[in-house]
Amino acid sequence: MAFYGQTKLRLGEILVGDGIITEETLQDALSKKGTMKIGEYLVENNIVSEDQIANALSSKLGYMMINLRDTEIPQDILNLVELKNLKKNKVIPVAYSEGNMNILRLAMADPTDINAIDDISIITGCQIEPLVSTPRDVMLALDRYYGSDEMNSKLEEYAKEKFSREEEDEVEDDINGSPIVMLVKEMIDKAARQRASDIHIEALERDVRVRYRIDGVLYERARYNIKVLPAIVARVKIISGMDISEKRKPQDGRITQVVDRVEYDIRVSALPSVYGEKIVMRLAAKKALNREKSQLGLKPNEMVQFDHILKNPHGILLVTGPTGSGKSTTLYTALSELNTEEVNIITVEDPVEANIDGINQVQVNPKANLTFATALRSILRQDPDIIMIGEIRDQETAGIAVQASITGHLVVSTLHTNSSASTITRLEDMGVEPYLIADSVVGVIAQRLVRRLCPACKIAKTASAEECRVMGVDPGVQHIIYEPRIKDPNFHCSQCDDMGYKGRIGVYEIMEMTPSMKTLISRGGNADEIKEMALKQGMHTLRMSASEYVLDGTTSFNEMMKVSFDS
């Protein structure tokens, strides 16, 4: 077996040799990467993926690839090296080589790192047999095997030392030198690696409970002694820019943290509760909102409708749905699609969720009297072609948006309504005249997110007559649908970590404005009449769209019911 140090091969040369990147791309990356490793630079700039690098290294160096999610590591192997050394080198030992206790198999994010191999060899006294993995999988494995035990022991020590004197008021003075700093950082790191959208830190009577929202559902991930709550809250307030002395009023803040080379923008909310302050952190990768149109989950016919609506030179496009249904992602995708040198795009948002090159973004600031309405009036004097309003919340904003669209601007915005048809009546409730709505609105997209069934452990079943009726298919024909596996102590799915689901996909109800729809809206048609006409003209409801995902095995019947209960 040839080691990297003996072969003198470099990662860039391997990627060029395999045709993954060109020599020009490599030289350009080398000139721009600064102090970063070449692999980190290429991944961060979306030139190659971690999997492509791992496969190329495995193929060229002759090292075996390892799937850490499917690998159970014995405790005696885990005890060989301290966590700090493993994290520094991004490696994890997995087993002895075929019973030979002098050779240690080591999963490595970078098997070309001779220093890491030497470090672990010296610590363990073993020869090292490198195995190839991705940086993300190595860090997830370290979180899984080492995370909670080390943190709990340090927090217990901290709680005993700090609170034996019952001096809670001093928590803020020495907070920066405590394990709390590490705890909060690790909490955010683990949440990001597990694809969590929110972290809930909750004060119970005797414990601090930490839960992550993953694919829309909360999962408990840790419990700590209630005595450490003031220190955790103080640390979060410090790094998010809140007032640490104010404990009686709700506060909001913001954190930026880099996890595995990905920058996350974290919105923080603190709320006083009976047993102490509750903290909720909402995580958003800065690049996650800037997606390709093809990644939204639109079906081919929906993509055609989406493109057609965006071709309108003026009018209002409304995206509707509850909080956390992916509205912002759809809006940012639409803006990225429209963002060319020839147009002036201005947004007014609360808050600005992602920065897009070439777009002028305005942050609402009520303290400076910069509301949606006042910002919109100023924006209209800035010669805009396209305006994005984060949310239409009141009559004044709705009125200005309608006037802007009628006077030759394309306006995109969000509303909190349950369906496309009810969006029209909501605008009427806000005081916009029906004839103005008919004249201005060019399309409404209602959307939800459903969880994808884990392909590795989902279970097939025959749809019942009632399920067929709800999905609108013939109950006389056998329909195979899928559901998540019920948790079983004798079965472990490494792909979804026994959640039954992995990832989410968008479900859409797209209502385009046609001349007959405009006529109906102008004469004050209600939501049911608007929906009936839209269906005649080919609109698919949320339930119809979600049913297609149930029938093709993408999601479960229960997930479909959650997003279309009121259909």
Protein backbone atom coordinates (compact mmCIF):
# COMPACT_ATOMS: atom_id res chain seq x y z
CA MET A 1 0.00 0.00 0.00
CA ALA A 2 1.51 3.35 -1.04
CA PHE A 3 1.19 6.31 1.29
CA TYR A 4 0.58 9.80 -0.07
CA GLY A 5 3.94 11.00 1.28
CA GLN A 6 5.71 8.31 -0.73
CA THR A 7 3.77 8.83 -3.96
CA LYS A 8 4.21 12.64 -3.84
CA LEU A 9 0.74 13.03 -5.38
CA ARG A 10 -1.27 16.13 -4.54
CA LEU A 11 -5.08 16.34 -4.32
CA GLY A 12 -5.26 18.87 -7.15
CA GLU A 13 -3.26 16.57 -9.45
CA ILE A 14 -5.52 13.63 -8.56
CA LEU A 15 -8.69 15.63 -9.42
CA VAL A 16 -7.19 16.84 -12.71
CA GLY A 17 -6.02 13.31 -13.57
CA ASP A 18 -9.53 11.93 -12.98
CA GLY A 19 -11.09 14.66 -15.16
CA ILE A 20 -13.08 16.12 -12.24
CA ILE A 21 -11.53 19.58 -12.73
CA THR A 22 -9.36 21.11 -15.44
CA GLU A 23 -5.78 22.30 -15.04
CA GLU A 24 -7.00 25.89 -15.52
CA THR A 25 -9.54 25.48 -12.69
CA LEU A 26 -6.83 24.05 -10.44
CA GLN A 27 -4.39 26.91 -11.11
CA ASP A 28 -7.15 29.48 -10.56
CA ALA A 29 -8.08 27.82 -7.24
CA LEU A 30 -4.44 27.67 -6.12
CA SER A 31 -4.03 31.39 -6.76
CA LYS A 32 -7.19 32.29 -4.77
CA LYS A 33 -7.32 29.81 -1.89
CA GLY A 34 -5.02 31.75 0.45
CA THR A 35 -4.34 29.73 3.63
CA MET A 36 -7.14 27.22 2.92
CA LYS A 37 -6.43 23.68 1.81
CA ILE A 38 -7.16 23.17 -1.88
CA GLY A 39 -9.92 20.62 -1.15
CA GLU A 40 -11.68 23.00 1.26
CA TYR A 41 -11.55 25.82 -1.30
CA LEU A 42 -12.97 23.65 -4.10
CA VAL A 43 -15.85 22.37 -1.93
CA GLU A 44 -16.68 25.78 -0.47
CA ASN A 45 -16.94 27.28 -3.96
CA ASN A 46 -19.10 24.41 -5.26
CA ILE A 47 -16.47 23.36 -7.80
CA VAL A 48 -16.43 19.77 -6.53
CA SER A 49 -18.33 17.86 -3.82
CA GLU A 50 -16.89 16.10 -0.76
CA ASP A 51 -18.03 12.77 -2.24
CA GLN A 52 -16.17 13.43 -5.52
CA ILE A 53 -12.96 14.16 -3.60
CA ALA A 54 -13.37 11.05 -1.42
CA ASN A 55 -13.99 8.78 -4.43
CA ALA A 56 -11.01 10.22 -6.33
CA LEU A 57 -8.68 9.76 -3.34
CA SER A 58 -9.89 6.22 -2.76
CA SER A 59 -9.42 5.29 -6.41
CA LYS A 60 -5.99 6.89 -6.86
CA LEU A 61 -4.41 5.97 -3.51
CA GLY A 62 -5.93 2.51 -3.24
CA TYR A 63 -7.50 3.20 0.15
CA MET A 64 -10.90 1.69 0.93
CA MET A 65 -13.96 3.97 1.23
CA ILE A 66 -15.90 3.58 4.48
CA ASN A 67 -19.53 4.47 5.19
CA LEU A 68 -19.34 5.69 8.79
CA ARG A 69 -23.14 5.86 9.10
CA ASP A 70 -23.34 2.07 8.74
CA THR A 71 -20.30 1.36 10.92
CA GLU A 72 -20.54 0.46 14.61
CA ILE A 73 -17.29 1.33 16.40
CA PRO A 74 -16.39 -0.67 19.57
CA GLN A 75 -15.87 1.28 22.80
CA ASP A 76 -12.28 0.05 23.27
CA ILE A 77 -11.39 1.59 19.88
CA LEU A 78 -13.08 4.88 20.80
CA ASN A 79 -11.04 5.03 24.03
CA LEU A 80 -7.71 4.97 22.16
CA VAL A 81 -7.53 8.69 21.27
CA GLU A 82 -8.90 11.83 22.94
CA LEU A 83 -11.60 13.76 21.13
CA LYS A 84 -9.50 16.95 20.76
CA ASN A 85 -6.88 15.06 18.72
CA LEU A 86 -9.51 13.47 16.51
CA LYS A 87 -11.25 16.79 15.84
CA LYS A 88 -7.97 18.55 15.08
CA ASN A 89 -7.10 15.96 12.43
CA LYS A 90 -10.70 15.17 11.29
CA VAL A 91 -10.21 11.43 11.78
CA ILE A 92 -11.88 8.63 13.78
CA PRO A 93 -10.51 5.13 14.53
CA VAL A 94 -12.95 2.37 13.53
CA ALA A 95 -11.31 -1.04 14.15
CA TYR A 96 -8.10 -3.05 14.26
CA SER A 97 -7.10 -4.50 10.89
CA GLU A 98 -8.53 -8.04 10.64
CA GLY A 99 -7.67 -8.92 14.22
CA ASN A 100 -4.14 -7.49 14.10
CA MET A 101 -3.97 -5.14 17.11
CA ASN A 102 -0.80 -3.50 15.77
CA ILE A 103 -2.62 -1.99 12.78
CA LEU A 104 -5.42 0.55 13.38
CA ARG A 105 -7.95 1.38 10.68
CA LEU A 106 -8.45 5.14 10.66
CA ALA A 107 -11.30 6.89 8.79
CA MET A 108 -9.85 10.15 7.45
CA ALA A 109 -11.33 13.23 5.82
CA ASP A 110 -7.92 13.74 4.19
CA PRO A 111 -5.92 10.49 3.83
CA THR A 112 -3.11 12.54 2.27
CA ASP A 113 -2.45 14.21 5.66
CA ILE A 114 0.81 12.56 6.80
CA ASN A 115 0.90 14.69 9.98
CA ALA A 116 -2.49 13.33 11.07
CA ILE A 117 -1.34 9.75 10.42
CA ASP A 118 1.85 10.35 12.44
CA ASP A 119 -0.09 11.96 15.32
CA ILE A 120 -2.50 9.05 15.75
CA SER A 121 0.27 6.48 15.22
CA ILE A 122 2.35 8.02 18.05
CA ILE A 123 -0.66 8.29 20.42
CA THR A 124 -1.87 4.70 19.85
CA GLY A 125 1.45 2.98 19.18
CA CYS A 126 -0.14 1.35 16.12
CA GLN A 127 0.56 1.37 12.41
CA ILE A 128 -2.17 3.27 10.61
CA GLU A 129 -4.28 1.89 7.76
CA PRO A 130 -6.07 4.93 6.26
CA LEU A 131 -9.69 4.65 5.13
CA VAL A 132 -11.40 7.39 3.11
CA SER A 133 -14.48 9.28 4.31
CA THR A 134 -15.92 12.78 3.85
CA PRO A 135 -15.24 15.58 6.37
CA ARG A 136 -18.98 15.83 7.11
CA ASP A 137 -19.32 12.11 7.88
CA VAL A 138 -16.24 12.13 10.13
CA MET A 139 -17.57 15.09 12.15
CA LEU A 140 -21.04 13.51 12.42
CA ALA A 141 -19.44 10.31 13.72
CA LEU A 142 -17.41 12.27 16.29
CA ASP A 143 -20.61 14.00 17.44
CA ARG A 144 -22.41 10.67 17.66
CA TYR A 145 -19.77 8.80 19.68
CA TYR A 146 -18.06 11.45 21.76
CA GLY A 147 -20.33 14.51 21.97
CA SER A 148 -22.61 14.11 24.97
CA ASP A 149 -20.44 12.26 27.51
CA GLU A 150 -17.58 14.74 27.49
CA MET A 151 -19.92 17.74 27.56
CA ASN A 152 -22.04 16.38 30.41
CA SER A 153 -19.03 15.67 32.62
CA LYS A 154 -17.59 19.16 32.07
CA LEU A 155 -20.96 20.79 32.73
CA GLU A 156 -21.41 18.81 35.95
CA GLU A 157 -18.00 20.05 37.13
CA TYR A 158 -18.94 23.60 36.15
CA ALA A 159 -22.30 23.42 37.95
CA LYS A 160 -20.72 22.11 41.18
CA GLU A 161 -17.93 24.68 41.17
CA LYS A 162 -20.01 27.67 40.17
CA PHE A 163 -23.18 27.14 42.14
CA SER A 164 -21.77 25.69 45.33
CA ARG A 165 -21.37 29.34 46.30
CA GLU A 166 -24.89 30.20 45.05
CA GLU A 167 -23.50 33.24 43.21
CA GLU A 168 -25.58 33.22 40.04
CA ASP A 169 -25.07 36.95 39.56
CA GLU A 170 -21.42 36.29 38.73
CA VAL A 171 -22.25 34.01 35.82
CA GLU A 172 -21.67 36.80 33.32
CA ASP A 173 -18.23 37.72 34.73
CA ASP A 174 -16.39 34.49 33.94
CA ILE A 175 -18.64 33.05 31.26
CA ASN A 176 -15.98 33.30 28.57
CA GLY A 177 -13.62 30.99 30.42
CA SER A 178 -16.12 28.18 31.02
CA PRO A 179 -17.24 24.98 29.29
CA ILE A 180 -20.44 26.88 28.43
CA VAL A 181 -18.60 28.53 25.53
CA MET A 182 -17.80 25.10 24.13
CA LEU A 183 -21.31 23.82 24.85
CA VAL A 184 -23.07 26.56 22.88
CA LYS A 185 -20.65 26.24 19.96
CA GLU A 186 -21.04 22.44 19.89
CA MET A 187 -24.82 22.79 20.12
CA ILE A 188 -24.89 24.90 16.96
CA ASP A 189 -22.32 22.72 15.17
CA LYS A 190 -24.29 19.52 15.85
CA ALA A 191 -27.57 21.12 14.82
CA ALA A 192 -26.08 22.24 11.50
CA ARG A 193 -24.63 18.78 10.78
CA GLN A 194 -27.96 17.14 11.56
CA ARG A 195 -29.81 19.48 9.15
CA ALA A 196 -31.75 21.16 11.97
CA SER A 197 -33.62 24.38 11.18
CA ASP A 198 -34.13 25.41 14.83
CA ILE A 199 -32.57 24.83 18.26
CA HIS A 200 -34.88 25.06 21.29
CA ILE A 201 -33.24 25.55 24.71
CA GLU A 202 -36.06 25.16 27.23
CA ALA A 203 -36.16 25.73 31.01
CA LEU A 204 -38.07 22.92 32.72
CA GLU A 205 -38.51 22.56 36.50
CA ARG A 206 -35.35 20.49 37.06
CA ASP A 207 -33.66 20.31 33.65
CA VAL A 208 -32.60 22.28 30.62
CA ARG A 209 -33.97 20.48 27.58
CA VAL A 210 -32.36 20.94 24.15
CA ARG A 211 -34.41 20.00 21.09
CA TYR A 212 -33.62 20.27 17.37
CA ARG A 213 -36.26 20.77 14.68
CA ILE A 214 -35.27 18.45 11.84
CA ASP A 215 -37.47 18.31 8.72
CA GLY A 216 -40.19 20.20 10.60
CA VAL A 217 -40.34 17.90 13.67
CA LEU A 218 -38.75 18.45 17.10
CA TYR A 219 -36.38 15.81 18.50
CA GLU A 220 -34.85 15.92 21.99
CA ARG A 221 -31.06 15.87 21.76
CA ALA A 222 -29.81 16.65 25.30
CA ARG A 223 -30.74 17.41 28.91
CA TYR A 224 -28.60 19.37 31.36
CA ASN A 225 -28.82 20.38 35.01
CA ILE A 226 -31.12 23.42 35.42
CA LYS A 227 -28.29 25.15 37.32
CA VAL A 228 -26.38 25.77 34.08
CA LEU A 229 -29.31 27.56 32.38
CA PRO A 230 -28.27 31.14 33.41
CA ALA A 231 -24.79 30.52 32.02
CA ILE A 232 -26.10 29.09 28.72
CA VAL A 233 -28.54 32.00 28.30
CA ALA A 234 -25.84 34.55 29.14
CA ARG A 235 -23.45 33.05 26.58
CA VAL A 236 -26.10 33.05 23.83
CA LYS A 237 -26.99 36.67 24.64
CA ILE A 238 -23.35 37.77 24.51
CA ILE A 239 -22.67 36.29 21.07
CA SER A 240 -26.04 37.40 19.62
CA GLY A 241 -25.72 41.01 20.78
CA MET A 242 -28.53 41.03 23.37
CA ASP A 243 -28.62 42.82 26.73
CA ILE A 244 -27.44 40.17 29.22
CA SER A 245 -28.79 42.15 32.22
CA GLU A 246 -32.37 42.18 30.86
CA LYS A 247 -34.15 38.99 31.90
CA ARG A 248 -37.79 40.13 32.08
CA LYS A 249 -38.47 41.16 28.49
CA PRO A 250 -38.32 39.24 25.18
CA GLN A 251 -35.23 40.00 23.08
CA ASP A 252 -34.00 39.25 19.58
CA GLY A 253 -30.44 38.87 18.32
CA ARG A 254 -28.29 37.45 15.56
CA ILE A 255 -25.23 35.19 15.32
CA THR A 256 -23.01 34.27 12.40
CA GLN A 257 -21.14 30.98 12.80
CA VAL A 258 -19.11 28.85 10.39
CA VAL A 259 -19.74 25.09 10.63
CA ASP A 260 -17.63 22.78 8.46
CA ARG A 261 -16.76 25.71 6.15
CA VAL A 262 -20.43 26.68 5.67
CA GLU A 263 -21.51 30.08 7.02
CA TYR A 264 -24.77 30.07 8.97
CA ASP A 265 -26.90 33.07 9.80
CA ILE A 266 -28.67 32.38 13.11
CA ARG A 267 -31.64 34.41 14.36
CA VAL A 268 -32.02 34.22 18.14
CA SER A 269 -35.09 34.84 20.30
CA ALA A 270 -35.13 34.93 24.11
CA LEU A 271 -38.46 34.68 25.96
CA PRO A 272 -38.97 34.74 29.76
CA SER A 273 -40.82 31.63 31.00
CA VAL A 274 -41.81 30.27 34.43
CA TYR A 275 -38.51 28.46 35.14
CA GLY A 276 -36.16 30.77 33.24
CA GLU A 277 -35.61 32.18 29.77
CA LYS A 278 -36.31 30.04 26.72
CA ILE A 279 -33.96 30.45 23.75
CA VAL A 280 -34.82 29.57 20.17
CA MET A 281 -32.15 29.79 17.46
CA ARG A 282 -33.19 29.57 13.80
CA LEU A 283 -30.37 28.36 11.53
CA ALA A 284 -30.08 29.27 7.86
CA ALA A 285 -27.07 28.51 5.69
CA LYS A 286 -26.34 31.73 3.81
CA LYS A 287 -26.10 29.85 0.51
CA ALA A 288 -29.11 27.57 1.14
CA LEU A 289 -31.72 30.09 -0.04
CA ASN A 290 -29.88 30.71 -3.32
CA ARG A 291 -30.95 27.51 -5.06
CA GLU A 292 -31.31 26.44 -8.64
CA LYS A 293 -34.90 26.40 -9.85
CA SER A 294 -34.65 22.65 -10.45
CA GLN A 295 -33.97 22.06 -6.72
CA LEU A 296 -37.34 23.40 -5.56
CA GLY A 297 -39.16 20.13 -6.23
CA LEU A 298 -41.47 21.53 -8.91
CA LYS A 299 -42.93 18.87 -11.18
CA PRO A 300 -42.47 19.41 -14.96
CA ASN A 301 -45.95 20.91 -15.47
CA GLU A 302 -45.47 23.16 -12.41
CA MET A 303 -42.10 24.32 -13.74
CA VAL A 304 -43.80 25.44 -16.97
CA GLN A 305 -46.40 27.43 -14.96
CA PHE A 306 -43.69 28.92 -12.72
CA ASP A 307 -41.63 30.06 -15.74
CA HIS A 308 -44.71 31.49 -17.45
CA ILE A 309 -45.67 33.58 -14.40
CA LEU A 310 -42.11 34.94 -14.08
CA LYS A 311 -42.16 36.09 -17.71
CA ASN A 312 -44.79 38.74 -16.84
CA PRO A 313 -43.18 42.20 -17.15
CA HIS A 314 -45.44 43.58 -14.40
CA GLY A 315 -47.99 42.41 -11.85
CA ILE A 316 -47.91 40.70 -8.44
CA LEU A 317 -46.71 37.15 -7.79
CA LEU A 318 -47.74 35.97 -4.31
CA VAL A 319 -46.25 32.99 -2.50
CA THR A 320 -48.40 31.81 0.41
CA GLY A 321 -48.20 29.31 3.24
CA PRO A 322 -47.52 29.04 6.96
CA THR A 323 -44.18 29.79 8.66
CA GLY A 324 -41.49 27.29 7.64
CA SER A 325 -43.13 26.20 4.39
CA GLY A 326 -40.27 27.34 2.15
CA LYS A 327 -41.76 30.63 0.91
CA SER A 328 -38.49 32.56 1.27
CA THR A 329 -36.57 29.92 -0.69
CA THR A 330 -39.09 30.13 -3.55
CA LEU A 331 -38.94 33.94 -3.59
CA TYR A 332 -35.13 34.05 -3.56
CA THR A 333 -35.04 31.45 -6.34
CA ALA A 334 -37.43 33.56 -8.41
CA LEU A 335 -35.28 36.67 -7.82
CA SER A 336 -32.08 34.81 -8.76
CA GLU A 337 -33.81 33.70 -11.98
CA LEU A 338 -34.75 37.30 -12.79
CA ASN A 339 -31.43 38.82 -11.68
CA THR A 340 -29.70 40.07 -14.83
CA GLU A 341 -27.64 43.12 -15.68
CA GLU A 342 -30.58 44.75 -17.47
CA VAL A 343 -32.95 44.98 -14.47
CA ASN A 344 -32.93 46.87 -11.17
CA ILE A 345 -34.17 44.61 -8.37
CA ILE A 346 -34.86 46.04 -4.91
CA THR A 347 -36.14 44.11 -1.88
CA VAL A 348 -37.58 45.24 1.44
CA GLU A 349 -37.35 42.51 4.07
CA ASP A 350 -37.69 41.86 7.79
CA PRO A 351 -35.04 40.52 8.19
CA VAL A 352 -32.81 40.16 5.11
CA GLU A 353 -32.42 36.37 5.09
CA ALA A 354 -29.74 35.94 2.42
CA ASN A 355 -27.49 38.25 0.45
CA ILE A 356 -27.70 38.00 -3.35
CA ASP A 357 -25.09 39.65 -5.58
CA GLY A 358 -26.57 42.31 -7.84
CA ILE A 359 -29.75 42.85 -5.80
CA ASN A 360 -30.36 45.90 -3.59
CA GLN A 361 -31.73 44.70 -0.25
CA VAL A 362 -33.34 46.94 2.39
CA GLN A 363 -33.76 45.89 6.03
CA VAL A 364 -36.93 47.10 7.79
CA ASN A 365 -36.15 49.20 10.89
CA PRO A 366 -39.28 50.35 12.78
CA LYS A 367 -37.16 52.38 15.27
CA ALA A 368 -36.02 54.57 12.37
CA ASN A 369 -39.59 54.61 10.95
CA LEU A 370 -38.43 52.39 8.07
CA THR A 371 -41.47 50.13 7.72
CA PHE A 372 -42.54 48.08 4.68
CA ALA A 373 -44.82 50.94 3.61
CA THR A 374 -42.31 53.80 4.04
CA ALA A 375 -39.53 51.75 2.43
CA LEU A 376 -41.78 50.93 -0.55
CA ARG A 377 -42.55 54.60 -1.16
CA SER A 378 -38.83 55.36 -1.32
CA ILE A 379 -38.11 52.30 -3.45
CA LEU A 380 -40.57 53.48 -6.09
CA ARG A 381 -38.38 56.58 -6.54
CA GLN A 382 -35.31 54.34 -7.12
CA ASP A 383 -36.32 53.36 -10.68
CA PRO A 384 -36.96 49.65 -9.88
CA ASP A 385 -37.99 47.01 -12.41
CA ILE A 386 -38.67 44.26 -9.85
CA ILE A 387 -39.63 44.72 -6.19
CA MET A 388 -39.64 41.99 -3.55
CA ILE A 389 -41.65 42.63 -0.38
CA GLY A 390 -40.81 40.21 2.43
CA GLU A 391 -44.44 40.05 3.56
CA ILE A 392 -47.68 41.96 2.91
CA ARG A 393 -48.91 42.56 6.46
CA ASP A 394 -51.36 45.46 6.28
CA GLN A 395 -53.65 47.51 4.07
CA GLU A 396 -51.07 50.22 3.42
CA THR A 397 -48.41 47.79 2.17
CA ALA A 398 -50.97 45.88 0.07
CA GLY A 399 -52.21 49.12 -1.52
CA ILE A 400 -48.71 50.33 -2.45
CA ALA A 401 -47.81 46.87 -3.84
CA VAL A 402 -50.90 46.89 -6.07
CA GLN A 403 -50.21 50.42 -7.31
CA ALA A 404 -46.57 49.52 -8.03
CA SER A 405 -47.59 46.48 -10.07
CA ILE A 406 -50.18 48.41 -12.09
CA THR A 407 -47.64 51.13 -12.90
CA GLY A 408 -45.28 48.70 -14.64
CA HIS A 409 -43.32 46.88 -11.93
CA LEU A 410 -43.11 43.17 -11.18
CA VAL A 411 -43.79 42.68 -7.46
CA VAL A 412 -43.14 39.40 -5.64
CA SER A 413 -44.23 38.91 -2.05
CA THR A 414 -45.59 36.48 0.58
CA LEU A 415 -48.87 36.21 2.47
CA HIS A 416 -49.96 33.89 5.29
CA THR A 417 -52.98 32.11 3.81
CA ASN A 418 -54.02 28.46 3.48
CA SER A 419 -54.64 28.22 -0.27
CA SER A 420 -54.27 30.08 -3.55
CA ALA A 421 -57.95 31.00 -3.77
CA SER A 422 -58.15 32.34 -0.19
CA THR A 423 -55.21 34.67 -1.00
CA ILE A 424 -57.49 36.71 -3.26
CA THR A 425 -60.13 37.10 -0.54
CA ARG A 426 -57.41 37.99 2.00
CA LEU A 427 -56.36 40.94 -0.17
CA GLU A 428 -60.02 42.01 -0.32
CA ASP A 429 -60.20 41.81 3.49
CA MET A 430 -57.16 44.11 3.59
CA GLY A 431 -59.17 46.71 1.72
CA VAL A 432 -57.89 46.24 -1.85
CA GLU A 433 -60.69 46.64 -4.41
CA PRO A 434 -61.53 43.44 -6.34
CA TYR A 435 -61.01 45.11 -9.74
CA LEU A 436 -57.49 46.19 -8.65
CA ILE A 437 -56.67 42.63 -7.52
CA ALA A 438 -57.87 41.25 -10.86
CA ASP A 439 -55.77 43.81 -12.70
CA SER A 440 -52.59 43.32 -10.68
CA VAL A 441 -52.20 39.68 -9.55
CA VAL A 442 -50.54 37.46 -12.20
CA GLY A 443 -50.18 34.30 -10.13
CA VAL A 444 -50.45 32.76 -6.66
CA ILE A 445 -48.29 29.87 -5.43
CA ALA A 446 -49.46 28.11 -2.26
CA GLN A 447 -46.81 25.77 -0.92
CA ARG A 448 -45.98 23.34 1.88
CA LEU A 449 -43.08 21.02 2.68
CA VAL A 450 -43.56 17.28 3.19
CA ARG A 451 -40.95 14.95 4.65
CA ARG A 452 -39.38 12.44 2.28
CA LEU A 453 -39.58 8.82 3.39
CA CYS A 454 -36.17 7.25 4.03
CA PRO A 455 -35.53 5.08 0.94
CA ALA A 456 -33.48 2.62 3.01
CA CYS A 457 -36.15 1.65 5.56
CA LYS A 458 -39.61 2.65 4.27
CA ILE A 459 -42.23 -0.12 4.31
CA ALA A 460 -44.71 -0.90 1.53
CA LYS A 461 -48.43 -1.42 2.20
CA THR A 462 -51.65 -1.59 0.21
CA ALA A 463 -53.70 1.62 0.37
CA SER A 464 -57.06 1.18 2.11
CA ALA A 465 -60.34 2.14 0.43
CA GLU A 466 -60.54 5.29 2.58
CA GLU A 467 -56.97 6.29 1.70
CA CYS A 468 -57.77 5.78 -2.01
CA ARG A 469 -60.89 7.94 -1.65
CA VAL A 470 -58.92 10.75 0.02
CA MET A 471 -56.22 10.62 -2.70
CA GLY A 472 -58.84 10.58 -5.44
CA VAL A 473 -57.84 7.22 -6.98
CA ASP A 474 -59.91 4.14 -7.83
CA PRO A 475 -60.31 1.99 -4.67
CA GLY A 476 -61.09 -0.99 -6.90
CA VAL A 477 -57.46 -1.03 -8.09
CA GLN A 478 -54.61 -2.06 -5.79
CA HIS A 479 -52.32 0.89 -4.97
CA ILE A 480 -49.00 0.31 -3.17
CA ILE A 481 -48.01 3.17 -0.88
CA TYR A 482 -45.26 3.46 1.75
CA GLU A 483 -45.01 4.41 5.40
CA PRO A 484 -42.07 4.93 7.81
CA ARG A 485 -40.77 1.97 9.79
CA ILE A 486 -41.95 1.95 13.41
CA LYS A 487 -38.98 2.27 15.81
CA ASP A 488 -37.62 -1.18 16.57
CA PRO A 489 -34.86 -1.83 19.15
CA ASN A 490 -33.60 -4.68 16.96
CA PHE A 491 -33.29 -2.53 13.83
CA HIS A 492 -31.16 0.56 13.22
CA CYS A 493 -31.26 2.63 10.02
CA SER A 494 -28.08 4.65 9.68
CA GLN A 495 -29.44 6.59 6.69
CA CYS A 496 -32.18 8.41 8.66
CA ASP A 497 -31.01 7.69 12.23
CA ASP A 498 -34.31 5.84 12.85
CA MET A 499 -36.45 8.92 12.08
CA GLY A 500 -38.18 7.19 9.14
CA TYR A 501 -37.81 10.33 7.04
CA LYS A 502 -34.86 12.15 5.51
CA GLY A 503 -35.14 15.58 3.91
CA ARG A 504 -38.19 17.44 2.62
CA ILE A 505 -39.70 18.29 -0.76
CA GLY A 506 -42.02 21.11 -1.81
CA VAL A 507 -45.71 20.60 -2.58
CA TYR A 508 -47.23 23.33 -4.75
CA GLU A 509 -50.63 24.70 -5.76
CA ILE A 510 -50.06 27.16 -8.60
CA MET A 511 -52.94 29.40 -9.71
CA GLU A 512 -52.29 31.43 -12.85
CA MET A 513 -54.51 34.37 -13.67
CA THR A 514 -56.57 33.89 -16.84
CA PRO A 515 -59.07 36.35 -18.39
CA SER A 516 -62.03 34.39 -16.99
CA MET A 517 -60.43 34.33 -13.52
CA LYS A 518 -59.90 38.09 -13.66
CA THR A 519 -63.59 38.57 -14.58
CA LEU A 520 -64.71 36.39 -11.66
CA ILE A 521 -62.47 38.24 -9.18
CA SER A 522 -63.58 41.67 -10.50
CA ARG A 523 -67.19 40.89 -9.72
CA GLY A 524 -66.29 39.77 -6.17
CA GLY A 525 -66.27 35.98 -6.48
CA ASN A 526 -65.66 34.14 -3.20
CA ALA A 527 -62.81 31.68 -2.46
CA ASP A 528 -64.88 28.59 -3.34
CA GLU A 529 -65.90 30.01 -6.73
CA ILE A 530 -62.31 31.05 -7.49
CA LYS A 531 -61.02 27.58 -6.54
CA GLU A 532 -63.67 25.86 -8.67
CA MET A 533 -62.75 27.90 -11.74
CA ALA A 534 -59.02 27.39 -11.16
CA LEU A 535 -59.57 23.60 -10.99
CA LYS A 536 -61.47 23.70 -14.29
CA GLN A 537 -58.48 25.49 -15.82
CA GLY A 538 -56.04 22.82 -14.71
CA MET A 539 -54.85 23.85 -11.25
CA HIS A 540 -53.65 21.04 -8.97
CA THR A 541 -54.56 21.52 -5.30
CA LEU A 542 -52.05 20.87 -2.52
CA ARG A 543 -53.79 17.54 -1.83
CA MET A 544 -53.62 16.49 -5.47
CA SER A 545 -49.92 17.36 -5.65
CA ALA A 546 -49.13 15.65 -2.33
CA SER A 547 -51.14 12.54 -3.38
CA GLU A 548 -48.81 12.10 -6.36
CA TYR A 549 -45.87 11.97 -3.94
CA VAL A 550 -47.69 9.35 -1.82
CA LEU A 551 -48.43 7.18 -4.85
CA ASP A 552 -44.84 7.30 -6.14
CA GLY A 553 -43.40 6.45 -2.68
CA THR A 554 -41.78 9.83 -1.98
CA THR A 555 -43.81 10.55 1.16
CA SER A 556 -46.42 8.95 3.42
CA PHE A 557 -50.20 9.30 3.59
CA ASN A 558 -49.92 10.95 7.04
CA GLU A 559 -47.55 13.61 5.67
CA MET A 560 -50.01 14.34 2.86
CA MET A 561 -52.83 14.80 5.39
CA LYS A 562 -50.75 17.23 7.46
CA VAL A 563 -50.25 19.64 4.55
CA SER A 564 -53.74 19.30 3.04
CA PHE A 565 -56.01 18.72 6.04
CA ASP A 566 -58.28 21.63 5.13
CA SER A 567 -58.57 20.69 1.44
